[in-house]
N, C-alpha and C. Protein backbone atom coordinates (compact mmCIF):
# COMPACT_ATOMS: atom_id res chain seq x y z
N MET A 1 111.98 80.27 108.95
CA MET A 1 111.85 80.07 107.52
C MET A 1 113.28 79.96 106.92
N THR A 2 113.94 79.46 106.70
CA THR A 2 115.16 79.17 105.59
C THR A 2 114.83 79.47 104.52
N SER A 3 116.43 81.08 103.80
CA SER A 3 116.53 81.03 102.86
C SER A 3 117.25 80.52 101.99
N PRO A 4 116.34 80.43 100.57
CA PRO A 4 116.89 79.46 99.79
C PRO A 4 118.75 79.58 99.26
N THR A 5 119.01 80.21 99.59
CA THR A 5 120.17 81.23 99.12
C THR A 5 120.77 80.56 100.31
N ALA A 6 120.33 80.16 101.93
CA ALA A 6 121.10 80.16 102.74
C ALA A 6 121.06 78.45 102.91
N GLN A 7 119.75 77.84 102.48
CA GLN A 7 120.26 76.60 102.15
C GLN A 7 121.25 75.82 100.92
N VAL A 8 121.66 76.66 100.38
CA VAL A 8 122.49 76.74 99.40
C VAL A 8 124.08 76.31 99.41
N ARG A 9 124.29 77.36 100.47
CA ARG A 9 125.58 77.90 100.83
C ARG A 9 125.52 77.15 101.92
N GLU A 10 125.09 76.13 102.83
CA GLU A 10 125.49 75.37 103.84
C GLU A 10 125.76 74.29 103.08
N GLN A 11 126.07 73.77 101.69
CA GLN A 11 126.12 73.12 100.80
C GLN A 11 127.65 73.10 100.43
N GLN A 12 128.15 74.87 100.52
CA GLN A 12 129.00 75.24 99.43
C GLN A 12 130.26 75.49 101.14
N THR A 13 131.54 75.64 100.43
CA THR A 13 132.93 75.42 101.37
C THR A 13 133.42 77.11 101.23
N GLU A 14 133.70 77.75 101.94
CA GLU A 14 134.08 79.07 102.69
C GLU A 14 135.19 79.29 101.62
N PRO A 15 135.37 80.82 100.73
CA PRO A 15 135.97 80.93 99.76
C PRO A 15 137.94 81.37 100.29
N GLY A 16 138.73 80.23 100.49
CA GLY A 16 139.66 80.16 100.82
C GLY A 16 139.74 79.24 101.61
N ASN A 17 138.80 78.55 101.99
CA ASN A 17 139.03 77.81 103.41
C ASN A 17 138.04 76.42 103.29
N PRO A 18 138.78 75.56 101.86
CA PRO A 18 137.82 74.10 101.34
C PRO A 18 137.10 72.73 101.64
N GLY A 19 137.22 73.43 103.40
CA GLY A 19 137.06 72.26 104.67
C GLY A 19 135.95 72.92 105.33
N GLY A 20 135.71 74.57 105.07
CA GLY A 20 135.36 75.31 106.41
C GLY A 20 133.61 74.98 105.57
N ALA A 21 132.96 75.38 106.06
CA ALA A 21 131.30 75.54 105.75
C ALA A 21 131.37 77.36 105.28
N TRP A 22 130.90 77.37 104.26
CA TRP A 22 130.14 79.17 103.61
C TRP A 22 129.85 79.63 104.65
N ARG A 23 129.96 80.74 105.13
CA ARG A 23 129.40 81.52 106.09
C ARG A 23 128.98 82.89 105.86
N HIS A 24 127.58 83.30 105.71
CA HIS A 24 127.06 84.41 105.58
C HIS A 24 127.77 85.85 106.35
N PRO A 25 128.60 86.74 105.69
CA PRO A 25 129.41 87.54 106.43
C PRO A 25 128.11 88.81 107.11
N VAL A 26 126.67 88.79 106.31
CA VAL A 26 125.89 89.61 106.36
C VAL A 26 125.20 89.27 107.33
N ARG A 27 124.37 90.20 108.28
CA ARG A 27 123.39 89.92 109.44
C ARG A 27 121.85 90.10 109.19
N GLY A 28 121.91 90.95 108.28
CA GLY A 28 120.08 91.71 108.07
C GLY A 28 120.88 93.16 107.36
N ILE A 29 119.43 93.70 107.60
CA ILE A 29 120.13 95.78 107.42
C ILE A 29 120.47 96.12 108.88
N ASN A 30 121.39 96.74 109.00
CA ASN A 30 121.52 97.77 110.22
C ASN A 30 120.32 98.78 110.65
N HIS A 31 120.00 99.78 109.14
CA HIS A 31 119.17 100.15 108.75
C HIS A 31 118.83 101.02 107.43
N MET A 32 117.49 100.78 106.91
CA MET A 32 117.60 101.77 106.42
C MET A 32 116.44 103.02 106.50
N ALA A 33 117.45 104.09 105.64
CA ALA A 33 117.05 105.42 106.22
C ALA A 33 116.62 106.12 104.95
N PHE A 34 115.37 107.13 105.39
CA PHE A 34 114.61 108.24 104.59
C PHE A 34 114.80 109.37 105.36
N PRO A 35 114.65 110.60 104.39
CA PRO A 35 114.14 111.52 105.50
C PRO A 35 112.35 111.82 106.12
N THR A 36 112.28 112.84 106.73
CA THR A 36 110.96 113.13 106.86
C THR A 36 110.54 114.07 107.10
N PHE A 37 109.37 114.67 106.65
CA PHE A 37 108.84 116.43 106.12
C PHE A 37 108.39 116.41 107.48
N ASP A 38 107.63 115.28 108.30
CA ASP A 38 106.17 115.72 109.56
C ASP A 38 106.70 114.24 110.74
N PRO A 39 107.83 114.83 111.79
CA PRO A 39 108.41 113.21 112.56
C PRO A 39 107.47 113.32 113.29
N ALA A 40 106.34 113.67 114.09
CA ALA A 40 105.35 113.90 114.24
C ALA A 40 104.04 112.64 113.78
N GLY A 41 103.84 113.08 112.27
CA GLY A 41 102.95 111.87 111.85
C GLY A 41 103.95 110.74 111.80
N THR A 42 105.05 110.51 111.44
CA THR A 42 105.97 109.61 111.29
C THR A 42 106.18 108.84 112.65
N ILE A 43 106.18 109.26 113.19
CA ILE A 43 106.82 109.02 114.74
C ILE A 43 104.76 108.05 115.33
N GLY A 44 103.66 108.99 114.77
CA GLY A 44 102.62 108.74 115.17
C GLY A 44 102.08 107.42 114.44
N PHE A 45 102.80 107.11 113.25
CA PHE A 45 102.33 106.31 112.45
C PHE A 45 102.97 104.75 112.82
N TYR A 46 104.77 105.01 112.62
CA TYR A 46 105.60 103.53 112.70
C TYR A 46 105.45 102.93 114.69
N ARG A 47 105.05 104.18 115.15
CA ARG A 47 105.26 103.38 116.59
C ARG A 47 103.73 103.50 117.43
N ASP A 48 102.63 104.48 116.93
CA ASP A 48 101.48 103.88 117.35
C ASP A 48 100.78 103.20 116.46
N VAL A 49 100.45 103.41 115.50
CA VAL A 49 99.43 102.91 114.59
C VAL A 49 100.09 101.20 114.67
N LEU A 50 100.93 101.22 113.62
CA LEU A 50 101.81 99.86 113.18
C LEU A 50 103.10 99.26 114.56
N GLY A 51 102.80 99.49 115.55
CA GLY A 51 103.53 99.48 117.45
C GLY A 51 104.91 99.16 117.14
N LEU A 52 105.59 99.80 116.16
CA LEU A 52 107.40 99.37 116.27
C LEU A 52 107.26 100.22 116.97
N PRO A 53 108.56 99.64 118.01
CA PRO A 53 109.11 100.62 119.12
C PRO A 53 110.06 101.20 118.75
N LEU A 54 110.13 102.58 119.34
CA LEU A 54 111.29 103.32 118.51
C LEU A 54 112.23 103.16 119.98
N VAL A 55 113.28 102.64 119.27
CA VAL A 55 114.68 102.53 120.29
C VAL A 55 115.90 103.40 120.43
N GLN A 56 116.09 104.09 119.25
CA GLN A 56 117.41 105.46 119.29
C GLN A 56 116.74 106.12 118.69
N THR A 57 117.57 107.34 119.13
CA THR A 57 117.32 108.54 118.36
C THR A 57 119.06 109.24 118.47
N MET A 58 119.72 109.94 117.41
CA MET A 58 120.62 110.80 117.50
C MET A 58 120.37 112.30 117.32
N GLN A 59 120.60 112.94 117.91
CA GLN A 59 120.94 114.68 117.65
C GLN A 59 121.89 115.40 117.23
N VAL A 60 122.00 115.67 116.25
CA VAL A 60 123.53 116.11 115.16
C VAL A 60 123.72 117.47 115.04
N LYS A 61 124.37 118.25 114.87
CA LYS A 61 124.77 119.68 115.16
C LYS A 61 125.52 119.05 113.21
N ALA A 62 124.71 119.96 112.36
CA ALA A 62 125.13 119.81 110.95
C ALA A 62 126.52 120.11 111.08
N TRP A 63 127.70 119.37 109.66
CA TRP A 63 128.90 118.87 110.03
C TRP A 63 128.63 118.39 108.45
N GLY A 64 130.62 119.10 107.64
CA GLY A 64 130.59 118.19 106.83
C GLY A 64 130.06 119.00 105.27
N PRO A 65 129.34 118.57 104.58
CA PRO A 65 129.25 119.44 103.49
C PRO A 65 128.50 120.47 103.80
N GLU A 66 128.76 121.83 102.83
CA GLU A 66 127.54 123.34 102.95
C GLU A 66 126.09 122.88 103.24
N TYR A 67 125.74 122.42 102.72
CA TYR A 67 123.83 121.88 102.73
C TYR A 67 123.71 121.23 103.57
N GLN A 68 125.13 120.76 104.87
CA GLN A 68 123.99 119.78 105.54
C GLN A 68 123.59 120.74 107.06
N ARG A 69 122.51 120.15 107.65
CA ARG A 69 122.16 120.79 108.60
C ARG A 69 121.53 120.44 110.07
N ASP A 70 121.37 120.74 111.07
CA ASP A 70 120.80 120.28 111.84
C ASP A 70 120.38 119.19 112.03
N PHE A 71 120.37 118.20 112.66
CA PHE A 71 119.20 116.65 112.56
C PHE A 71 119.08 115.82 113.62
N VAL A 72 117.85 115.10 113.61
CA VAL A 72 117.02 114.40 114.11
C VAL A 72 116.78 112.73 113.49
N HIS A 73 117.74 111.84 114.11
CA HIS A 73 117.76 111.06 113.57
C HIS A 73 117.34 109.87 114.42
N PHE A 74 115.94 108.94 114.14
CA PHE A 74 115.34 107.98 114.47
C PHE A 74 115.14 107.19 114.50
N PHE A 75 115.42 106.01 114.72
CA PHE A 75 115.43 104.53 114.28
C PHE A 75 114.00 104.12 115.32
N PHE A 76 113.24 102.98 114.06
CA PHE A 76 112.57 102.44 115.01
C PHE A 76 112.47 100.52 114.32
N ASP A 77 112.36 99.75 115.79
CA ASP A 77 112.56 98.09 115.81
C ASP A 77 112.09 97.22 115.27
N ILE A 78 112.69 97.07 113.55
CA ILE A 78 111.64 96.65 112.71
C ILE A 78 111.97 94.42 112.51
N GLY A 79 112.44 94.41 114.19
CA GLY A 79 112.32 92.69 114.21
C GLY A 79 114.10 92.43 113.80
N ASN A 80 114.25 91.24 114.13
CA ASN A 80 115.61 90.97 114.15
C ASN A 80 116.40 91.71 113.75
N ALA A 81 116.64 92.16 114.72
CA ALA A 81 117.50 93.29 115.60
C ALA A 81 117.36 94.48 113.69
N ASP A 82 116.68 94.58 113.57
CA ASP A 82 117.08 95.26 111.90
C ASP A 82 116.13 96.63 112.83
N ARG A 83 116.30 97.94 111.42
CA ARG A 83 115.83 99.08 111.94
C ARG A 83 115.35 99.78 110.48
N LEU A 84 114.64 100.47 110.99
CA LEU A 84 113.89 101.68 110.12
C LEU A 84 113.85 102.65 110.79
N ALA A 85 114.49 103.92 109.93
CA ALA A 85 114.94 104.72 110.07
C ALA A 85 114.84 106.05 109.45
N PHE A 86 114.58 107.67 109.88
CA PHE A 86 114.32 108.21 109.53
C PHE A 86 115.33 109.72 110.64
N PHE A 87 115.62 110.51 108.86
CA PHE A 87 115.90 112.18 109.31
C PHE A 87 115.48 112.72 109.37
N TYR A 88 115.18 113.77 110.16
CA TYR A 88 114.14 115.76 110.40
C TYR A 88 115.55 116.49 110.32
N TYR A 89 115.52 116.90 109.25
CA TYR A 89 116.66 117.88 108.72
C TYR A 89 115.77 119.65 108.82
N PHE A 90 115.96 120.13 110.23
CA PHE A 90 116.06 121.56 111.18
C PHE A 90 115.92 122.03 109.70
N GLY A 91 114.71 123.07 109.00
CA GLY A 91 114.33 123.94 107.99
C GLY A 91 114.61 123.28 106.43
N GLN A 92 114.74 122.16 107.12
CA GLN A 92 114.63 121.57 105.30
C GLN A 92 113.46 121.78 104.41
N GLU A 93 112.99 122.76 103.53
CA GLU A 93 111.73 122.35 102.64
C GLU A 93 110.72 121.07 102.58
N PRO A 94 110.53 120.78 102.66
CA PRO A 94 109.47 119.56 102.29
C PRO A 94 108.99 119.48 100.49
N TYR A 95 110.00 118.00 99.73
CA TYR A 95 110.54 117.91 99.03
C TYR A 95 109.82 116.60 98.47
N ARG A 96 108.65 115.91 97.27
CA ARG A 96 108.61 115.06 96.86
C ARG A 96 108.72 114.90 95.11
N ASP A 97 109.04 114.70 94.21
CA ASP A 97 109.28 113.82 93.02
C ASP A 97 108.26 113.99 92.34
N GLU A 98 107.45 114.50 92.34
CA GLU A 98 105.89 115.23 91.17
C GLU A 98 105.81 114.07 90.38
N ASN A 99 107.05 114.84 89.26
CA ASN A 99 107.11 113.96 88.01
C ASN A 99 107.49 112.21 88.15
N LEU A 100 108.15 111.47 88.99
CA LEU A 100 108.36 109.94 89.41
C LEU A 100 107.10 109.58 88.65
N PRO A 101 107.16 108.58 87.96
CA PRO A 101 106.65 107.60 86.72
C PRO A 101 106.00 106.37 87.99
N PRO A 102 104.69 106.43 87.47
CA PRO A 102 103.82 105.57 89.24
C PRO A 102 104.91 104.21 89.08
N LEU A 103 104.97 103.38 88.19
CA LEU A 103 105.57 102.12 88.08
C LEU A 103 106.67 102.77 88.62
N LEU A 104 107.80 103.38 88.52
CA LEU A 104 109.18 103.72 89.98
C LEU A 104 108.85 104.18 90.92
N ASP A 105 107.38 104.36 90.57
CA ASP A 105 107.12 104.77 92.29
C ASP A 105 106.60 103.83 93.09
N LEU A 106 105.98 103.28 92.64
CA LEU A 106 105.37 101.76 93.46
C LEU A 106 106.89 100.49 93.14
N GLY A 107 107.96 100.96 92.46
CA GLY A 107 108.77 100.36 92.87
C GLY A 107 110.15 100.70 93.79
N GLN A 108 109.64 101.55 94.14
CA GLN A 108 110.65 102.14 95.65
C GLN A 108 109.46 101.24 96.51
N HIS A 109 109.72 100.45 97.64
CA HIS A 109 108.35 100.56 98.61
C HIS A 109 109.91 99.97 99.77
N VAL A 110 109.23 99.63 101.13
CA VAL A 110 109.95 98.71 102.19
C VAL A 110 108.80 97.68 102.20
N ALA A 111 109.03 96.46 102.40
CA ALA A 111 108.45 95.58 102.45
C ALA A 111 108.71 94.54 103.77
N LEU A 112 108.02 95.05 105.20
CA LEU A 112 108.37 94.34 106.84
C LEU A 112 107.93 92.89 106.43
N HIS A 113 107.96 92.03 107.13
CA HIS A 113 108.24 90.16 107.41
C HIS A 113 107.44 90.14 108.18
N VAL A 114 106.07 89.59 107.87
CA VAL A 114 105.59 88.82 109.57
C VAL A 114 105.49 87.57 108.81
N ASP A 115 105.15 86.37 109.64
CA ASP A 115 105.19 85.17 110.14
C ASP A 115 103.46 84.25 109.55
N THR A 116 102.65 85.14 109.63
CA THR A 116 101.30 84.03 109.89
C THR A 116 99.95 85.13 109.09
N LEU A 117 99.07 84.67 109.11
CA LEU A 117 97.90 85.27 108.50
C LEU A 117 97.03 85.96 109.22
N GLU A 118 97.39 85.80 110.86
CA GLU A 118 96.91 86.72 111.78
C GLU A 118 97.20 87.94 112.44
N ASP A 119 99.35 87.76 111.59
CA ASP A 119 99.81 88.81 111.64
C ASP A 119 99.93 89.28 111.00
N LEU A 120 99.26 89.27 109.31
CA LEU A 120 98.78 90.19 108.59
C LEU A 120 97.58 90.85 108.49
N ASP A 121 96.42 89.86 109.32
CA ASP A 121 95.41 90.30 109.58
C ASP A 121 95.19 91.59 110.68
N GLY A 122 96.28 91.59 111.78
CA GLY A 122 96.35 92.16 112.63
C GLY A 122 96.74 93.47 112.50
N PHE A 123 97.78 93.67 111.79
CA PHE A 123 98.58 95.01 110.63
C PHE A 123 97.60 95.55 110.11
N ALA A 124 96.54 94.92 109.17
CA ALA A 124 95.39 96.04 108.70
C ALA A 124 94.32 96.12 109.33
N GLN A 125 93.94 96.08 110.39
CA GLN A 125 93.53 95.84 111.68
C GLN A 125 93.37 97.28 112.13
N ARG A 126 95.15 96.99 112.48
CA ARG A 126 95.04 98.34 112.92
C ARG A 126 95.78 99.68 112.10
N ILE A 127 95.54 99.50 111.18
CA ILE A 127 96.06 100.89 109.99
C ILE A 127 94.40 101.26 109.53
N GLU A 128 93.67 100.19 109.34
CA GLU A 128 92.29 100.63 109.13
C GLU A 128 91.35 101.32 110.42
N HIS A 129 92.06 101.04 111.72
CA HIS A 129 91.06 101.31 112.72
C HIS A 129 91.81 103.00 113.05
N ALA A 130 93.20 103.11 112.81
CA ALA A 130 93.40 104.75 113.23
C ALA A 130 93.13 105.45 111.89
N GLY A 131 91.88 105.01 110.65
CA GLY A 131 91.27 105.94 109.72
C GLY A 131 91.80 105.98 109.04
N LEU A 132 93.32 105.27 108.25
CA LEU A 132 94.32 105.29 107.34
C LEU A 132 93.57 104.36 106.31
N LYS A 133 94.01 104.42 105.09
CA LYS A 133 93.95 103.67 104.04
C LYS A 133 94.61 103.03 103.39
N ILE A 134 94.33 101.25 103.20
CA ILE A 134 94.65 100.29 102.65
C ILE A 134 95.01 100.57 101.09
N ASP A 135 95.84 100.59 100.51
CA ASP A 135 95.87 100.59 99.12
C ASP A 135 95.86 99.25 98.46
N MET A 136 95.91 98.50 98.89
CA MET A 136 95.77 97.23 97.95
C MET A 136 96.36 96.06 98.90
N ARG A 137 95.65 94.59 98.64
CA ARG A 137 96.20 93.84 99.32
C ARG A 137 95.78 92.47 98.28
N VAL A 138 96.96 92.34 98.58
CA VAL A 138 97.97 91.28 96.45
C VAL A 138 98.26 89.53 97.10
N MET A 139 97.98 88.61 96.37
CA MET A 139 98.27 87.47 96.77
C MET A 139 99.78 87.28 95.36
N HIS A 140 100.67 87.81 96.19
CA HIS A 140 101.88 87.31 94.90
C HIS A 140 101.63 85.94 94.74
N GLU A 141 103.18 85.00 93.80
CA GLU A 141 103.66 84.23 93.94
C GLU A 141 103.11 83.34 94.93
N THR A 142 104.92 83.61 95.84
CA THR A 142 105.02 83.48 97.17
C THR A 142 104.37 84.52 98.46
N VAL A 143 104.22 85.11 98.19
CA VAL A 143 103.60 86.13 99.70
C VAL A 143 102.08 86.59 99.22
N GLU A 144 101.18 86.96 100.25
CA GLU A 144 100.73 87.96 100.92
C GLU A 144 100.70 88.88 101.39
N SER A 145 100.73 90.42 100.53
CA SER A 145 100.90 91.22 101.09
C SER A 145 99.62 93.03 101.40
N ILE A 146 100.12 93.69 101.68
CA ILE A 146 99.44 94.46 102.23
C ILE A 146 99.89 95.80 101.47
N TYR A 147 99.23 97.00 101.97
CA TYR A 147 100.42 97.87 101.44
C TYR A 147 99.60 98.96 101.46
N VAL A 148 100.22 100.36 102.20
CA VAL A 148 100.00 100.93 103.23
C VAL A 148 100.95 102.83 102.71
N ARG A 149 100.37 103.60 102.88
CA ARG A 149 101.47 105.20 102.53
C ARG A 149 101.38 105.74 104.23
N ASP A 150 102.98 105.81 104.13
CA ASP A 150 103.47 106.37 105.47
C ASP A 150 103.03 107.78 105.08
N PRO A 151 103.47 108.90 106.57
CA PRO A 151 102.99 109.85 106.16
C PRO A 151 104.03 110.85 105.22
N ASN A 152 105.12 110.08 105.06
CA ASN A 152 106.16 110.29 104.25
C ASN A 152 105.48 110.09 102.46
N ASP A 153 104.51 109.39 102.09
CA ASP A 153 104.02 109.32 100.96
C ASP A 153 104.91 107.87 100.80
N ILE A 154 105.60 107.56 101.79
CA ILE A 154 106.37 106.03 101.18
C ILE A 154 105.48 104.73 101.77
N LEU A 155 105.94 104.13 100.07
CA LEU A 155 104.76 102.98 100.43
C LEU A 155 105.25 101.83 101.43
N ILE A 156 104.59 101.42 102.25
CA ILE A 156 105.17 100.35 103.59
C ILE A 156 104.28 99.00 102.50
N GLU A 157 104.45 98.21 102.75
CA GLU A 157 104.90 96.75 102.16
C GLU A 157 104.69 95.93 103.14
N ILE A 158 103.72 95.35 104.05
CA ILE A 158 103.26 93.93 105.11
C ILE A 158 102.92 92.19 104.44
N ALA A 159 103.87 91.93 104.61
CA ALA A 159 104.11 90.85 103.89
C ALA A 159 104.36 88.95 104.45
N ARG A 160 103.50 88.30 104.54
CA ARG A 160 103.47 86.85 104.98
C ARG A 160 103.99 85.74 103.93
N PRO A 161 104.64 84.81 104.04
CA PRO A 161 104.72 83.98 103.65
C PRO A 161 103.71 83.01 102.88
N LEU A 162 103.37 82.61 101.77
CA LEU A 162 102.46 81.94 101.65
C LEU A 162 102.89 80.24 101.47
N ARG A 163 104.10 79.99 101.19
CA ARG A 163 105.03 78.71 101.07
C ARG A 163 106.14 78.58 101.58
N ASP A 164 107.25 77.98 102.13
CA ASP A 164 108.59 77.63 102.35
C ASP A 164 109.35 77.55 100.84
N LEU A 165 110.15 78.97 100.56
CA LEU A 165 111.25 78.90 100.07
C LEU A 165 111.78 76.98 99.82
N THR A 166 112.16 77.18 98.87
CA THR A 166 113.31 76.09 99.18
C THR A 166 114.67 76.45 98.02
N ALA A 167 115.43 75.26 98.04
CA ALA A 167 116.60 75.02 97.47
C ALA A 167 116.45 75.39 96.51
N ALA A 168 115.23 74.98 95.47
CA ALA A 168 114.65 74.60 93.59
C ALA A 168 114.58 76.44 93.48
N ASP A 169 113.95 76.80 94.83
CA ASP A 169 113.91 78.78 94.05
C ASP A 169 115.04 79.36 94.20
N ALA A 170 115.50 78.53 94.90
CA ALA A 170 117.23 79.48 94.78
C ALA A 170 118.40 79.02 93.71
N VAL A 171 118.06 77.76 92.50
CA VAL A 171 118.45 77.56 91.53
C VAL A 171 117.86 78.27 90.26
N ASP A 172 116.36 78.42 90.64
CA ASP A 172 115.59 79.21 89.75
C ASP A 172 116.02 81.04 89.35
N ALA A 173 115.97 81.03 90.83
CA ALA A 173 116.02 82.13 90.44
C ALA A 173 117.63 82.85 90.18
N GLU A 174 118.66 81.61 90.00
CA GLU A 174 120.53 81.70 89.92
C GLU A 174 119.92 81.33 88.18
N VAL A 175 119.62 81.04 87.84
CA VAL A 175 118.78 80.78 86.20
C VAL A 175 118.70 81.54 85.52
N THR A 176 117.35 81.94 86.90
CA THR A 176 116.12 83.43 85.68
C THR A 176 117.57 84.30 85.66
N ALA A 177 118.60 84.56 86.63
CA ALA A 177 119.43 85.90 86.25
C ALA A 177 119.99 85.75 85.60
N GLN A 178 120.89 84.33 84.92
CA GLN A 178 122.14 84.41 83.54
C GLN A 178 120.92 84.89 82.71
N ALA A 179 119.72 84.18 82.57
CA ALA A 179 119.00 84.08 81.74
C ALA A 179 118.63 86.04 80.74
N LEU A 180 118.10 86.96 82.27
CA LEU A 180 118.68 87.90 82.12
C LEU A 180 119.74 89.10 81.78
N LEU A 181 120.72 88.37 82.57
CA LEU A 181 122.06 88.93 82.19
C LEU A 181 122.32 88.64 80.59
N ASP A 182 121.98 87.45 79.72
CA ASP A 182 122.14 87.17 78.52
C ASP A 182 121.39 87.66 77.64
N VAL A 183 119.99 87.79 77.73
CA VAL A 183 119.11 88.34 76.98
C VAL A 183 120.04 90.44 77.42
N LEU A 184 119.92 90.68 78.22
CA LEU A 184 120.74 92.33 78.37
C LEU A 184 122.05 92.48 77.07
N ALA A 185 122.54 91.46 77.26
CA ALA A 185 123.78 91.11 76.86
C ALA A 185 124.03 91.03 75.48
N SER A 186 123.07 90.71 74.26
CA SER A 186 122.65 90.01 73.14
C SER A 186 122.09 91.36 72.37
N ASP A 187 121.80 90.95 71.30
CA ASP A 187 121.22 92.24 70.17
C ASP A 187 120.28 92.76 70.16
N GLY A 188 119.41 91.46 71.03
CA GLY A 188 118.41 91.88 70.00
C GLY A 188 117.74 93.11 71.47
N GLU A 189 116.22 92.50 71.41
CA GLU A 189 115.82 93.88 72.08
C GLU A 189 114.96 92.68 73.72
N PRO A 190 115.30 93.21 74.97
CA PRO A 190 115.06 92.56 76.19
C PRO A 190 113.73 92.63 76.13
N THR A 191 112.97 91.66 76.96
CA THR A 191 111.80 91.42 76.19
C THR A 191 111.42 90.15 77.56
N LEU A 192 110.36 89.78 78.08
CA LEU A 192 110.26 89.44 78.87
C LEU A 192 110.00 87.71 78.27
N ASP A 193 109.80 87.23 77.35
CA ASP A 193 109.45 86.42 76.06
C ASP A 193 110.62 85.56 75.95
N ALA A 194 112.16 86.83 75.46
CA ALA A 194 112.44 86.51 75.44
C ALA A 194 113.75 85.98 76.44
N LEU A 195 113.72 86.87 77.56
CA LEU A 195 113.92 86.10 78.86
C LEU A 195 113.53 84.42 79.35
N TRP A 196 112.22 84.46 78.82
CA TRP A 196 111.89 83.41 78.80
C TRP A 196 112.59 81.88 78.07
N ALA A 197 112.92 82.18 76.95
CA ALA A 197 112.97 81.12 75.46
C ALA A 197 114.51 81.21 75.76
N ARG A 198 115.55 82.24 77.08
CA ARG A 198 116.80 82.27 77.44
C ARG A 198 117.03 81.22 77.87
N LYS A 199 115.71 81.13 79.46
CA LYS A 199 116.24 80.47 80.52
C LYS A 199 115.56 79.02 80.36
N ALA A 200 114.45 78.59 79.22
CA ALA A 200 114.57 77.23 78.54
C ALA A 200 115.55 76.82 77.91
N GLU A 201 116.54 77.34 77.28
CA GLU A 201 117.40 77.38 76.78
C GLU A 201 118.60 76.12 77.92
N LEU A 202 118.64 77.51 78.68
CA LEU A 202 119.20 76.94 80.09
C LEU A 202 118.93 75.69 80.73
N ILE A 203 117.64 75.86 81.09
CA ILE A 203 117.48 74.67 81.83
C ILE A 203 117.15 73.49 81.13
N ALA A 204 117.24 73.29 79.72
CA ALA A 204 117.39 71.98 78.21
C ALA A 204 119.23 71.87 79.11
N SER A 205 119.68 72.71 78.78
CA SER A 205 121.36 72.28 79.16
C SER A 205 121.77 71.68 80.44
N ARG A 206 120.99 72.10 81.75
CA ARG A 206 121.27 71.31 82.72
C ARG A 206 120.86 69.57 82.14
N VAL A 207 120.52 69.32 81.81
CA VAL A 207 119.81 67.95 81.73
C VAL A 207 120.36 66.94 80.82
N PRO A 208 120.92 65.96 81.74
CA PRO A 208 121.65 64.97 81.27
C PRO A 208 121.04 64.67 79.63
N ALA A 209 122.03 64.51 78.94
CA ALA A 209 122.07 63.90 78.01
C ALA A 209 121.65 61.87 77.77
């Protein structure tokens, strides 16, 4: 599935090179990293339950800041040459922010992409067969997702597309983002209703007279 942004960029030119096609310089996520206080549980969850290959580790002596500790850094292959990584710091006491509001907790999550319903159902079965609880299964506008907590209480989403994204989605994203920025810069209270009103104005301004 080609992203709508990529489709739009294919029609644009590279900055400083009007005759050349625009090339996105970022090729995905090298790695996304989190601390773990339970390396055995983390390896068991990602490697053995989800089936993500453990492809690299680094064993590093403490360096730099005074608070630094010896650590093991390990990396799981999440496809597309991307990695999900964890730090285990020797001697670091476990910590969790118990005061984090639930809404902000849900907003911090990792979403893994799968292509088909069969893939999504397969992961749901692996999770349930391991005796773990799926937090929820949700149909969003463009994806269907399952959610599960890893041993570090990190929320993991696994999502499959319900439809292909198009260039129209990218245009809608740009208009929505501009409407949001305009509302935030205005004197009124930033609300979803205000965003929709401003978005309608922006859409109307694009219609030829």
